[in-house]
Structures are given as structure tokens and as C-alpha cells.
Amino acid sequence: MKPLGQTRPLLAYGLPAAAGLVVGGMLSNQGEDPGTAAMGGAAAALGARGGLGAARMAGRFAPFLTEATRSAIVPVGKAVAEAARKAPEGSKRMQALEGGANVLRSLYQGAGQITPGMVQKSAAVGAVPLTAGLAGLGGVAAGAIPSAVGVPGFQAQMPLDPESYGSSNSPGARYKASTMQYM
């Protein structure tokens, strides 16, 4: 098996880069400081890359999933068939149970057709966003450490209110109003 990225570099590198940009942009829009947003985006990209690797490994478990699915369907199918035999002839309950038995038969037959590629793709659909989101959350938590220490770029900038006292060099700003004026 070739290393991840040898056959499909757009998937192996483009998807994690896109996840990192999306998470970093969302963090920036949510008001995080620039350093924390960049750290969260980078962590999300690495998490998405890890999710792709996990999905690739999941394909190795396709034979186990086939056997587990079939072994889970058999007892349920037997119970449904037994309940259908005990139901009154022609009743709605019997029709519903027979329909359920037919669905279980088709699932049993379809379980034999699970391929490693199908398992990989379905695992990637869930694993990549999950790992990217969790890693991005970890990046935000890691970005709180430099923010607490006071590293430049990791501190949120407070918006300036031009009407507040001391925000400009105008006469009103230089005048310090006492609190008695507001009563």
C-alpha cells in the first residue's frame, strides 16, 4: 500500500488545508485573537490529516464488519420470523413483521458485499470533520497559554470607543468628568 498522498495528493493535502482554513477563519470571526485562531486552524489541519489516516486504516476491518453485521442480523431475523408466525393471519402486525423480515434478509445479503473502499469512505465522512473539530478545539486551548502569559499576537484587541473619555486628544477627552455629573 502506498503512503497517504502518493496517489491522491489533492485529497491528502488539500482537504486538511481546507479544514484548517475554515476552522481558522471561523475562530477569527468568533473574536479569537490572531495567534489563537492561527493555532486552532493549524491544529485542525493536522487533525483532518489524522482523520484521513484513520479512515484508511478502517478499510482493513471490512471483513470483521461483514461478519459482525451478519452475526447481529441472524438472531434478530429469527425473532422477527417467530413473532410473524405467532401473529394472527392477515393482520397488520403480521404484515409489518414480514416486511421487517424482508428488510433483514436484504441486509444480510448486502452485508456480504461490504468492501474495504466502502468502509474507508464512510469512515472518512465521519472521522475527518470530527478530528478536525476536536484538534481545532485543542489548538484554541493551547492558544490560551501564550495569551495568559501575554505574548503579542495572542491577546484580543479591545475595540476603542471614540466617545469614551481618554480615547482621543479632544477637549472632551482630556476633561475628566466626575461621577456626580451623572446623578
C-alpha atoms as a PDB file:
ATOM      1  CA  MET A   1       0.000   0.000   0.000  1.00  0.00           C
ATOM      2  CA  LYS A   2       1.318   3.411  -0.914  1.00  0.00           C
ATOM      3  CA  PRO A   3       1.691   6.157   1.699  1.00  0.00           C
ATOM      4  CA  LEU A   4      -1.214   8.550   2.000  1.00  0.00           C
ATOM      5  CA  GLY A   5      -0.803  11.324  -0.559  1.00  0.00           C
ATOM      6  CA  GLN A   6       1.133   9.343  -3.169  1.00  0.00           C
ATOM      7  CA  THR A   7      -1.856   8.584  -5.376  1.00  0.00           C
ATOM      8  CA  ARG A   8      -4.253  11.416  -4.499  1.00  0.00           C
ATOM      9  CA  PRO A   9      -2.348  14.483  -3.289  1.00  0.00           C
ATOM     10  CA  LEU A  10      -5.355  16.789  -3.592  1.00  0.00           C
ATOM     11  CA  LEU A  11      -7.251  14.671  -1.086  1.00  0.00           C
ATOM     12  CA  ALA A  12      -4.261  14.077   1.174  1.00  0.00           C
ATOM     13  CA  TYR A  13      -3.114  17.696   1.360  1.00  0.00           C
ATOM     14  CA  GLY A  14      -5.991  19.815   0.056  1.00  0.00           C
ATOM     15  CA  LEU A  15      -8.659  18.530   2.411  1.00  0.00           C
ATOM     16  CA  PRO A  16      -6.623  19.171   5.578  1.00  0.00           C
ATOM     17  CA  ALA A  17      -5.574  22.594   4.286  1.00  0.00           C
ATOM     18  CA  ALA A  18      -9.201  23.486   3.594  1.00  0.00           C
ATOM     19  CA  ALA A  19     -10.234  22.266   7.060  1.00  0.00           C
ATOM     20  CA  GLY A  20      -7.504  24.383   8.650  1.00  0.00           C
ATOM     21  CA  LEU A  21      -8.527  27.488   6.714  1.00  0.00           C
ATOM     22  CA  VAL A  22     -12.201  27.023   7.548  1.00  0.00           C
ATOM     23  CA  VAL A  23     -11.578  26.497  11.264  1.00  0.00           C
ATOM     24  CA  GLY A  24      -9.063  29.352  11.431  1.00  0.00           C
ATOM     25  CA  GLY A  25     -11.486  31.690   9.664  1.00  0.00           C
ATOM     26  CA  MET A  26     -14.349  30.696  11.924  1.00  0.00           C
ATOM     27  CA  LEU A  27     -12.221  31.255  15.015  1.00  0.00           C
ATOM     28  CA  SER A  28     -11.213  34.664  13.723  1.00  0.00           C
ATOM     29  CA  ASN A  29     -14.860  35.544  13.078  1.00  0.00           C
ATOM     30  CA  GLN A  30     -15.774  34.404  16.583  1.00  0.00           C
ATOM     31  CA  GLY A  31     -13.473  37.030  18.063  1.00  0.00           C
ATOM     32  CA  GLU A  32     -10.437  34.920  18.913  1.00  0.00           C
ATOM     33  CA  ASP A  33      -7.105  36.723  18.803  1.00  0.00           C
ATOM     34  CA  PRO A  34      -4.984  36.164  15.658  1.00  0.00           C
ATOM     35  CA  GLY A  35      -2.453  33.837  17.276  1.00  0.00           C
ATOM     36  CA  THR A  36      -5.085  31.555  18.770  1.00  0.00           C
ATOM     37  CA  ALA A  37      -7.044  31.484  15.501  1.00  0.00           C
ATOM     38  CA  ALA A  38      -3.900  30.506  13.586  1.00  0.00           C
ATOM     39  CA  MET A  39      -3.023  27.870  16.167  1.00  0.00           C
ATOM     40  CA  GLY A  40      -6.546  26.414  16.045  1.00  0.00           C
ATOM     41  CA  GLY A  41      -6.503  26.358  12.239  1.00  0.00           C
ATOM     42  CA  ALA A  42      -3.135  24.593  12.132  1.00  0.00           C
ATOM     43  CA  ALA A  43      -4.297  22.039  14.679  1.00  0.00           C
ATOM     44  CA  ALA A  44      -7.498  21.454  12.679  1.00  0.00           C
ATOM     45  CA  ALA A  45      -5.447  20.802   9.538  1.00  0.00           C
ATOM     46  CA  LEU A  46      -3.335  18.254  11.375  1.00  0.00           C
ATOM     47  CA  GLY A  47      -6.464  16.677  12.849  1.00  0.00           C
ATOM     48  CA  ALA A  48      -8.066  16.343   9.420  1.00  0.00           C
ATOM     49  CA  ARG A  49      -4.911  14.682   8.126  1.00  0.00           C
ATOM     50  CA  GLY A  50      -5.077  12.259  11.034  1.00  0.00           C
ATOM     51  CA  GLY A  51      -8.732  11.575  10.265  1.00  0.00           C
ATOM     52  CA  LEU A  52      -7.799  10.602   6.712  1.00  0.00           C
ATOM     53  CA  GLY A  53      -5.219   8.191   8.088  1.00  0.00           C
ATOM     54  CA  ALA A  54      -7.766   6.703  10.474  1.00  0.00           C
ATOM     55  CA  ALA A  55     -10.248   6.237   7.642  1.00  0.00           C
ATOM     56  CA  ARG A  56      -7.574   4.468   5.629  1.00  0.00           C
ATOM     57  CA  MET A  57      -6.936   2.079   8.496  1.00  0.00           C
ATOM     58  CA  ALA A  58     -10.661   1.422   8.849  1.00  0.00           C
ATOM     59  CA  GLY A  59     -10.683  -0.327   5.471  1.00  0.00           C
ATOM     60  CA  ARG A  60      -8.662  -3.148   6.998  1.00  0.00           C
ATOM     61  CA  PHE A  61     -11.614  -4.025   9.224  1.00  0.00           C
ATOM     62  CA  ALA A  62     -14.089  -4.649   6.368  1.00  0.00           C
ATOM     63  CA  PRO A  63     -14.094  -8.461   6.776  1.00  0.00           C
ATOM     64  CA  PHE A  64     -14.695  -8.099  10.512  1.00  0.00           C
ATOM     65  CA  LEU A  65     -17.564  -5.649   9.887  1.00  0.00           C
ATOM     66  CA  THR A  66     -19.143  -8.047   7.401  1.00  0.00           C
ATOM     67  CA  GLU A  67     -19.055 -10.898   9.888  1.00  0.00           C
ATOM     68  CA  ALA A  68     -20.244  -8.728  12.797  1.00  0.00           C
ATOM     69  CA  THR A  69     -23.160  -7.381  10.754  1.00  0.00           C
ATOM     70  CA  ARG A  70     -24.226 -10.831   9.658  1.00  0.00           C
ATOM     71  CA  SER A  71     -23.943 -12.296  13.142  1.00  0.00           C
ATOM     72  CA  ALA A  72     -26.056  -9.442  14.552  1.00  0.00           C
ATOM     73  CA  ILE A  73     -28.766  -9.813  11.916  1.00  0.00           C
ATOM     74  CA  VAL A  74     -29.312 -13.576  12.342  1.00  0.00           C
ATOM     75  CA  PRO A  75     -30.797 -13.573  15.894  1.00  0.00           C
ATOM     76  CA  VAL A  76     -32.909 -10.515  15.160  1.00  0.00           C
ATOM     77  CA  GLY A  77     -34.202 -12.129  11.967  1.00  0.00           C
ATOM     78  CA  LYS A  78     -35.112 -15.314  13.824  1.00  0.00           C
ATOM     79  CA  ALA A  79     -37.002 -13.347  16.480  1.00  0.00           C
ATOM     80  CA  VAL A  80     -38.919 -11.372  13.849  1.00  0.00           C
ATOM     81  CA  ALA A  81     -39.804 -14.523  11.899  1.00  0.00           C
ATOM     82  CA  GLU A  82     -41.019 -16.232  15.109  1.00  0.00           C
ATOM     83  CA  ALA A  83     -43.166 -13.210  16.000  1.00  0.00           C
ATOM     84  CA  ALA A  84     -44.609 -13.176  12.470  1.00  0.00           C
ATOM     85  CA  ARG A  85     -45.599 -16.851  12.788  1.00  0.00           C
ATOM     86  CA  LYS A  86     -47.402 -16.154  16.084  1.00  0.00           C
ATOM     87  CA  ALA A  87     -49.272 -13.101  14.732  1.00  0.00           C
ATOM     88  CA  PRO A  88     -52.884 -13.543  13.544  1.00  0.00           C
ATOM     89  CA  GLU A  89     -53.144 -14.397   9.853  1.00  0.00           C
ATOM     90  CA  GLY A  90     -53.641 -11.333   7.613  1.00  0.00           C
ATOM     91  CA  SER A  91     -53.287  -8.817  10.452  1.00  0.00           C
ATOM     92  CA  LYS A  92     -51.410  -5.540  10.175  1.00  0.00           C
ATOM     93  CA  ARG A  93     -48.924  -6.800  12.741  1.00  0.00           C
ATOM     94  CA  MET A  94     -48.094  -9.868  10.649  1.00  0.00           C
ATOM     95  CA  GLN A  95     -47.651  -7.719   7.523  1.00  0.00           C
ATOM     96  CA  ALA A  96     -45.326  -5.336   9.377  1.00  0.00           C
ATOM     97  CA  LEU A  97     -43.257  -8.216  10.780  1.00  0.00           C
ATOM     98  CA  GLU A  98     -42.985  -9.872   7.368  1.00  0.00           C
ATOM     99  CA  GLY A  99     -41.831  -6.548   5.906  1.00  0.00           C
ATOM    100  CA  GLY A 100     -39.205  -6.289   8.639  1.00  0.00           C
ATOM    101  CA  ALA A 101     -38.057  -9.840   7.936  1.00  0.00           C
ATOM    102  CA  ASN A 102     -37.654  -8.987   4.246  1.00  0.00           C
ATOM    103  CA  VAL A 103     -35.554  -5.925   5.127  1.00  0.00           C
ATOM    104  CA  LEU A 104     -33.353  -8.058   7.391  1.00  0.00           C
ATOM    105  CA  ARG A 105     -32.888 -10.644   4.615  1.00  0.00           C
ATOM    106  CA  SER A 106     -31.725  -7.965   2.185  1.00  0.00           C
ATOM    107  CA  LEU A 107     -29.386  -6.512   4.841  1.00  0.00           C
ATOM    108  CA  TYR A 108     -27.911  -9.956   5.438  1.00  0.00           C
ATOM    109  CA  GLN A 109     -27.275 -10.430   1.728  1.00  0.00           C
ATOM    110  CA  GLY A 110     -25.878  -6.897   1.379  1.00  0.00           C
ATOM    111  CA  ALA A 111     -23.516  -7.343   4.326  1.00  0.00           C
ATOM    112  CA  GLY A 112     -21.505  -9.786   2.258  1.00  0.00           C
ATOM    113  CA  GLN A 113     -20.806  -7.053  -0.260  1.00  0.00           C
ATOM    114  CA  ILE A 114     -19.038  -4.638   2.137  1.00  0.00           C
ATOM    115  CA  THR A 115     -15.705  -3.709   0.560  1.00  0.00           C
ATOM    116  CA  PRO A 116     -12.701  -2.023   2.174  1.00  0.00           C
ATOM    117  CA  GLY A 117     -13.270   1.026  -0.047  1.00  0.00           C
ATOM    118  CA  MET A 118     -16.813   1.435   1.237  1.00  0.00           C
ATOM    119  CA  VAL A 119     -15.621   1.263   4.837  1.00  0.00           C
ATOM    120  CA  GLN A 120     -12.839   3.774   4.144  1.00  0.00           C
ATOM    121  CA  LYS A 121     -15.186   6.285   2.544  1.00  0.00           C
ATOM    122  CA  SER A 122     -17.844   6.029   5.221  1.00  0.00           C
ATOM    123  CA  ALA A 123     -15.223   6.319   7.969  1.00  0.00           C
ATOM    124  CA  ALA A 124     -13.717   9.380   6.278  1.00  0.00           C
ATOM    125  CA  VAL A 125     -17.100  11.097   6.166  1.00  0.00           C
ATOM    126  CA  GLY A 126     -17.319  10.946   9.939  1.00  0.00           C
ATOM    127  CA  ALA A 127     -13.682  10.936  11.029  1.00  0.00           C
ATOM    128  CA  VAL A 128     -12.294  13.899   9.096  1.00  0.00           C
ATOM    129  CA  PRO A 129     -14.702  16.593  10.370  1.00  0.00           C
ATOM    130  CA  LEU A 130     -14.680  15.121  13.863  1.00  0.00           C
ATOM    131  CA  THR A 131     -10.908  15.022  14.180  1.00  0.00           C
ATOM    132  CA  ALA A 132     -10.513  18.456  12.590  1.00  0.00           C
ATOM    133  CA  GLY A 133     -13.013  19.999  15.005  1.00  0.00           C
ATOM    134  CA  LEU A 134     -11.545  18.353  18.083  1.00  0.00           C
ATOM    135  CA  ALA A 135      -7.993  19.244  17.097  1.00  0.00           C
ATOM    136  CA  GLY A 136      -9.084  22.840  16.403  1.00  0.00           C
ATOM    137  CA  LEU A 137     -10.594  22.982  19.866  1.00  0.00           C
ATOM    138  CA  GLY A 138      -7.297  21.732  21.264  1.00  0.00           C
ATOM    139  CA  GLY A 139      -5.485  24.434  19.290  1.00  0.00           C
ATOM    140  CA  VAL A 140      -7.678  27.102  20.868  1.00  0.00           C
ATOM    141  CA  ALA A 141      -6.946  25.671  24.307  1.00  0.00           C
ATOM    142  CA  ALA A 142      -3.222  25.656  23.523  1.00  0.00           C
ATOM    143  CA  GLY A 143      -3.505  29.252  22.288  1.00  0.00           C
ATOM    144  CA  ALA A 144      -4.807  30.300  25.685  1.00  0.00           C
ATOM    145  CA  ILE A 145      -1.405  29.596  27.242  1.00  0.00           C
ATOM    146  CA  PRO A 146       0.541  32.286  25.338  1.00  0.00           C
ATOM    147  CA  SER A 147      -2.434  34.591  25.772  1.00  0.00           C
ATOM    148  CA  ALA A 148      -2.287  34.189  29.532  1.00  0.00           C
ATOM    149  CA  VAL A 149       1.446  34.865  29.557  1.00  0.00           C
ATOM    150  CA  GLY A 150       0.992  37.999  27.439  1.00  0.00           C
ATOM    151  CA  VAL A 151       2.709  37.022  24.205  1.00  0.00           C
ATOM    152  CA  PRO A 152       1.963  39.629  21.492  1.00  0.00           C
ATOM    153  CA  GLY A 153      -0.426  38.340  18.850  1.00  0.00           C
ATOM    154  CA  PHE A 154      -2.221  36.131  21.343  1.00  0.00           C
ATOM    155  CA  GLN A 155      -4.099  38.904  23.098  1.00  0.00           C
ATOM    156  CA  ALA A 156      -7.512  40.022  21.913  1.00  0.00           C
ATOM    157  CA  GLN A 157      -7.623  43.679  20.934  1.00  0.00           C
ATOM    158  CA  MET A 158     -10.301  45.618  22.755  1.00  0.00           C
ATOM    159  CA  PRO A 159     -12.378  47.859  20.487  1.00  0.00           C
ATOM    160  CA  LEU A 160     -11.927  51.590  21.006  1.00  0.00           C
ATOM    161  CA  ASP A 161     -14.987  53.649  21.791  1.00  0.00           C
ATOM    162  CA  PRO A 162     -14.427  57.116  20.287  1.00  0.00           C
ATOM    163  CA  GLU A 163     -16.958  58.679  22.667  1.00  0.00           C
ATOM    164  CA  SER A 164     -15.380  57.391  25.853  1.00  0.00           C
ATOM    165  CA  TYR A 165     -13.134  59.679  27.872  1.00  0.00           C
ATOM    166  CA  GLY A 166      -9.472  59.264  27.137  1.00  0.00           C
ATOM    167  CA  SER A 167      -9.898  57.766  23.674  1.00  0.00           C
ATOM    168  CA  SER A 168      -8.627  60.810  21.770  1.00  0.00           C
ATOM    169  CA  ASN A 169      -6.897  64.137  22.286  1.00  0.00           C
ATOM    170  CA  SER A 170     -10.045  66.249  22.010  1.00  0.00           C
ATOM    171  CA  PRO A 171     -11.003  68.681  24.813  1.00  0.00           C
ATOM    172  CA  GLY A 172     -13.838  66.383  25.878  1.00  0.00           C
ATOM    173  CA  ALA A 173     -11.416  63.501  26.160  1.00  0.00           C
ATOM    174  CA  ARG A 174      -8.961  65.472  28.241  1.00  0.00           C
ATOM    175  CA  TYR A 175     -11.769  66.602  30.579  1.00  0.00           C
ATOM    176  CA  LYS A 176     -12.232  64.042  33.322  1.00  0.00           C
ATOM    177  CA  ALA A 177     -15.872  64.160  34.316  1.00  0.00           C
ATOM    178  CA  SER A 178     -16.707  63.326  37.873  1.00  0.00           C
ATOM    179  CA  THR A 179     -19.325  60.751  38.651  1.00  0.00           C
ATOM    180  CA  MET A 180     -21.505  63.396  40.278  1.00  0.00           C
ATOM    181  CA  GLN A 181     -22.472  64.720  36.818  1.00  0.00           C
ATOM    182  CA  TYR A 182     -24.297  61.502  36.023  1.00  0.00           C
ATOM    183  CA  MET A 183     -26.622  61.607  39.006  1.00  0.00           C
END
